[in-house]
Amino acid sequence: MSRSETRYDPDALNVLGGELIPCSLDPVTGFYRNGCCETGPQDTGLHTVCAVMTAEFLAYSARQGNDLSTPRPEYGFAGLKPGDRWCLCAPRWKEALDDGCAPLLVLESTHEETLAIVPLGVLKDHAVIA
């Protein structure tokens, strides 16, 4: 399956053990660009954390070499702004956490594979309160 094919795994679970719900359809996020923070063998970055972008994190990500703010029309990417939800790589989210600028995340939209990188208690401490 190519990355551009729409995929949705109805059996995918979030970090709370429930159904993985979409993170964002505007902008469309996820490794498979289907709105969900799903993962699979091709996703070597583990794009499993549904994060709510902040100006601080977007600046941090750009400093780390991943500019998420600048539009890239050649890839159909409008650029992210504070408040947008986006599937981040779990290791990058953890790195941002360690550096004091991790964005809040949505537990119900964060894939259970994230737990291999970050314990549930830490994720809960940085979750958006619904």
C-alpha atoms as a PDB file:
ATOM      1  CA  MET A   1       0.000   0.000   0.000  1.00  0.00           C
ATOM      2  CA  SER A   2       1.411   3.396  -0.914  1.00  0.00           C
ATOM      3  CA  ARG A   3       1.418   6.234   1.575  1.00  0.00           C
ATOM      4  CA  SER A   4      -1.098   8.193  -0.477  1.00  0.00           C
ATOM      5  CA  GLU A   5      -3.756   5.486  -0.386  1.00  0.00           C
ATOM      6  CA  THR A   6      -6.541   6.098   2.092  1.00  0.00           C
ATOM      7  CA  ARG A   7      -6.431   3.580   4.879  1.00  0.00           C
ATOM      8  CA  TYR A   8      -8.362   3.201   8.037  1.00  0.00           C
ATOM      9  CA  ASP A   9      -7.931   0.334  10.426  1.00  0.00           C
ATOM     10  CA  PRO A  10     -11.176  -0.091  12.378  1.00  0.00           C
ATOM     11  CA  ASP A  11      -9.284  -2.248  14.879  1.00  0.00           C
ATOM     12  CA  ALA A  12      -6.707   0.447  15.704  1.00  0.00           C
ATOM     13  CA  LEU A  13      -6.702   1.404  19.382  1.00  0.00           C
ATOM     14  CA  ASN A  14      -5.802   4.589  21.172  1.00  0.00           C
ATOM     15  CA  VAL A  15      -3.587   4.829  24.257  1.00  0.00           C
ATOM     16  CA  LEU A  16      -6.656   4.431  26.499  1.00  0.00           C
ATOM     17  CA  GLY A  17      -7.566   1.105  24.859  1.00  0.00           C
ATOM     18  CA  GLY A  18     -10.569   2.466  22.957  1.00  0.00           C
ATOM     19  CA  GLU A  19     -11.229   3.027  19.270  1.00  0.00           C
ATOM     20  CA  LEU A  20      -8.715   5.344  17.614  1.00  0.00           C
ATOM     21  CA  ILE A  21     -10.690   8.407  16.537  1.00  0.00           C
ATOM     22  CA  PRO A  22      -9.547  10.812  13.791  1.00  0.00           C
ATOM     23  CA  CYS A  23      -7.091  13.512  14.775  1.00  0.00           C
ATOM     24  CA  SER A  24      -7.769  16.027  11.984  1.00  0.00           C
ATOM     25  CA  LEU A  25      -9.383  16.161   8.585  1.00  0.00           C
ATOM     26  CA  ASP A  26      -8.624  19.893   8.171  1.00  0.00           C
ATOM     27  CA  PRO A  27      -5.723  19.819   7.737  1.00  0.00           C
ATOM     28  CA  VAL A  28      -5.692  16.151   6.768  1.00  0.00           C
ATOM     29  CA  THR A  29      -3.057  14.486   8.908  1.00  0.00           C
ATOM     30  CA  GLY A  30      -1.558  11.076   9.562  1.00  0.00           C
ATOM     31  CA  PHE A  31       1.157   9.058   7.889  1.00  0.00           C
ATOM     32  CA  TYR A  32      -1.494   7.660   5.537  1.00  0.00           C
ATOM     33  CA  ARG A  33      -3.171  11.107   5.175  1.00  0.00           C
ATOM     34  CA  ASN A  34      -6.537   9.772   6.274  1.00  0.00           C
ATOM     35  CA  GLY A  35      -6.976  11.938   9.365  1.00  0.00           C
ATOM     36  CA  CYS A  36      -5.879   9.239  11.830  1.00  0.00           C
ATOM     37  CA  CYS A  37      -2.598   8.744  13.678  1.00  0.00           C
ATOM     38  CA  GLU A  38      -2.329   5.181  12.436  1.00  0.00           C
ATOM     39  CA  THR A  39       0.972   3.444  11.894  1.00  0.00           C
ATOM     40  CA  GLY A  40       2.290   0.526   9.918  1.00  0.00           C
ATOM     41  CA  PRO A  41       5.508  -1.010   8.628  1.00  0.00           C
ATOM     42  CA  GLN A  42       6.236   1.912   6.281  1.00  0.00           C
ATOM     43  CA  ASP A  43       5.886   4.473   9.087  1.00  0.00           C
ATOM     44  CA  THR A  44       9.425   4.376  10.423  1.00  0.00           C
ATOM     45  CA  GLY A  45       8.854   7.716  12.210  1.00  0.00           C
ATOM     46  CA  LEU A  46       5.924   6.378  14.248  1.00  0.00           C
ATOM     47  CA  HIS A  47       3.454   9.247  13.471  1.00  0.00           C
ATOM     48  CA  THR A  48       1.152   8.276  16.336  1.00  0.00           C
ATOM     49  CA  VAL A  49       0.711  11.320  18.614  1.00  0.00           C
ATOM     50  CA  CYS A  50      -2.275  13.582  17.915  1.00  0.00           C
ATOM     51  CA  ALA A  51      -0.897  16.936  19.039  1.00  0.00           C
ATOM     52  CA  VAL A  52      -2.443  20.391  19.157  1.00  0.00           C
ATOM     53  CA  MET A  53       0.067  22.753  17.573  1.00  0.00           C
ATOM     54  CA  THR A  54       1.450  25.722  19.462  1.00  0.00           C
ATOM     55  CA  ALA A  55       3.662  28.558  18.204  1.00  0.00           C
ATOM     56  CA  GLU A  56       6.358  27.363  20.602  1.00  0.00           C
ATOM     57  CA  PHE A  57       6.320  23.800  19.257  1.00  0.00           C
ATOM     58  CA  LEU A  58       6.186  24.900  15.603  1.00  0.00           C
ATOM     59  CA  ALA A  59       9.287  27.061  16.171  1.00  0.00           C
ATOM     60  CA  TYR A  60      10.976  24.176  17.996  1.00  0.00           C
ATOM     61  CA  SER A  61      10.190  21.744  15.181  1.00  0.00           C
ATOM     62  CA  ALA A  62      11.618  24.157  12.593  1.00  0.00           C
ATOM     63  CA  ARG A  63      14.818  24.460  14.646  1.00  0.00           C
ATOM     64  CA  GLN A  64      15.037  20.659  14.624  1.00  0.00           C
ATOM     65  CA  GLY A  65      14.857  20.643  10.816  1.00  0.00           C
ATOM     66  CA  ASN A  66      11.144  19.917  10.328  1.00  0.00           C
ATOM     67  CA  ASP A  67       9.422  23.166   9.338  1.00  0.00           C
ATOM     68  CA  LEU A  68       5.703  22.452   9.719  1.00  0.00           C
ATOM     69  CA  SER A  69       4.590  26.090   9.369  1.00  0.00           C
ATOM     70  CA  THR A  70       5.716  26.924   5.857  1.00  0.00           C
ATOM     71  CA  PRO A  71       3.225  26.051   3.116  1.00  0.00           C
ATOM     72  CA  ARG A  72       4.507  23.495   0.591  1.00  0.00           C
ATOM     73  CA  PRO A  73       1.956  23.638  -2.237  1.00  0.00           C
ATOM     74  CA  GLU A  74       3.961  21.160  -4.307  1.00  0.00           C
ATOM     75  CA  TYR A  75       3.018  18.566  -1.667  1.00  0.00           C
ATOM     76  CA  GLY A  76      -0.507  19.872  -1.079  1.00  0.00           C
ATOM     77  CA  PHE A  77       0.580  21.138   2.361  1.00  0.00           C
ATOM     78  CA  ALA A  78      -0.803  24.495   3.507  1.00  0.00           C
ATOM     79  CA  GLY A  79       1.425  24.741   6.580  1.00  0.00           C
ATOM     80  CA  LEU A  80       0.311  24.392  10.189  1.00  0.00           C
ATOM     81  CA  LYS A  81      -0.701  27.115  12.614  1.00  0.00           C
ATOM     82  CA  PRO A  82      -1.313  27.131  16.357  1.00  0.00           C
ATOM     83  CA  GLY A  83      -4.483  25.233  17.200  1.00  0.00           C
ATOM     84  CA  ASP A  84      -4.203  22.775  14.292  1.00  0.00           C
ATOM     85  CA  ARG A  85      -4.125  19.096  15.198  1.00  0.00           C
ATOM     86  CA  TRP A  86      -1.366  17.008  13.609  1.00  0.00           C
ATOM     87  CA  CYS A  87      -0.010  13.468  13.938  1.00  0.00           C
ATOM     88  CA  LEU A  88       3.517  13.862  15.262  1.00  0.00           C
ATOM     89  CA  CYS A  89       6.239  11.258  15.448  1.00  0.00           C
ATOM     90  CA  ALA A  90       6.211   9.865  18.983  1.00  0.00           C
ATOM     91  CA  PRO A  91      10.008  10.213  19.371  1.00  0.00           C
ATOM     92  CA  ARG A  92       9.829  13.899  18.311  1.00  0.00           C
ATOM     93  CA  TRP A  93       7.012  14.568  20.785  1.00  0.00           C
ATOM     94  CA  LYS A  94       9.111  12.935  23.535  1.00  0.00           C
ATOM     95  CA  GLU A  95      12.131  14.996  22.488  1.00  0.00           C
ATOM     96  CA  ALA A  96      10.031  18.178  22.685  1.00  0.00           C
ATOM     97  CA  LEU A  97       8.777  17.068  26.094  1.00  0.00           C
ATOM     98  CA  ASP A  98      12.341  16.592  27.320  1.00  0.00           C
ATOM     99  CA  ASP A  99      13.177  20.058  25.966  1.00  0.00           C
ATOM    100  CA  GLY A 100      10.165  21.655  27.689  1.00  0.00           C
ATOM    101  CA  CYS A 101       8.011  22.530  24.679  1.00  0.00           C
ATOM    102  CA  ALA A 102       5.795  19.539  23.895  1.00  0.00           C
ATOM    103  CA  PRO A 103       2.321  20.459  22.670  1.00  0.00           C
ATOM    104  CA  LEU A 104      -0.770  19.076  24.361  1.00  0.00           C
ATOM    105  CA  LEU A 105      -2.177  15.908  22.845  1.00  0.00           C
ATOM    106  CA  VAL A 106      -5.518  14.208  22.303  1.00  0.00           C
ATOM    107  CA  LEU A 107      -5.512  10.820  24.037  1.00  0.00           C
ATOM    108  CA  GLU A 108      -8.454   9.363  22.095  1.00  0.00           C
ATOM    109  CA  SER A 109      -6.644  10.128  18.820  1.00  0.00           C
ATOM    110  CA  THR A 110      -3.158   9.012  19.892  1.00  0.00           C
ATOM    111  CA  HIS A 111      -2.323   5.478  18.725  1.00  0.00           C
ATOM    112  CA  GLU A 112      -1.481   2.832  21.329  1.00  0.00           C
ATOM    113  CA  GLU A 113       1.961   2.283  19.734  1.00  0.00           C
ATOM    114  CA  THR A 114       2.954   5.590  21.362  1.00  0.00           C
ATOM    115  CA  LEU A 115       3.127   3.710  24.666  1.00  0.00           C
ATOM    116  CA  ALA A 116       6.347   2.067  23.445  1.00  0.00           C
ATOM    117  CA  ILE A 117       7.950   5.536  23.638  1.00  0.00           C
ATOM    118  CA  VAL A 118       6.037   7.426  26.350  1.00  0.00           C
ATOM    119  CA  PRO A 119       4.250   6.028  29.439  1.00  0.00           C
ATOM    120  CA  LEU A 120       0.498   6.570  29.706  1.00  0.00           C
ATOM    121  CA  GLY A 121       0.825   8.675  32.868  1.00  0.00           C
ATOM    122  CA  VAL A 122       3.078  11.162  31.055  1.00  0.00           C
ATOM    123  CA  LEU A 123       0.655  11.317  28.132  1.00  0.00           C
ATOM    124  CA  LYS A 124      -2.250  11.957  30.514  1.00  0.00           C
ATOM    125  CA  ASP A 125      -0.293  14.775  32.154  1.00  0.00           C
ATOM    126  CA  HIS A 126      -0.068  16.501  28.745  1.00  0.00           C
ATOM    127  CA  ALA A 127      -3.549  15.772  27.416  1.00  0.00           C
ATOM    128  CA  VAL A 128      -6.158  18.227  26.229  1.00  0.00           C
ATOM    129  CA  ILE A 129      -8.977  18.237  28.753  1.00  0.00           C
ATOM    130  CA  ALA A 130     -12.205  17.473  26.913  1.00  0.00           C
END
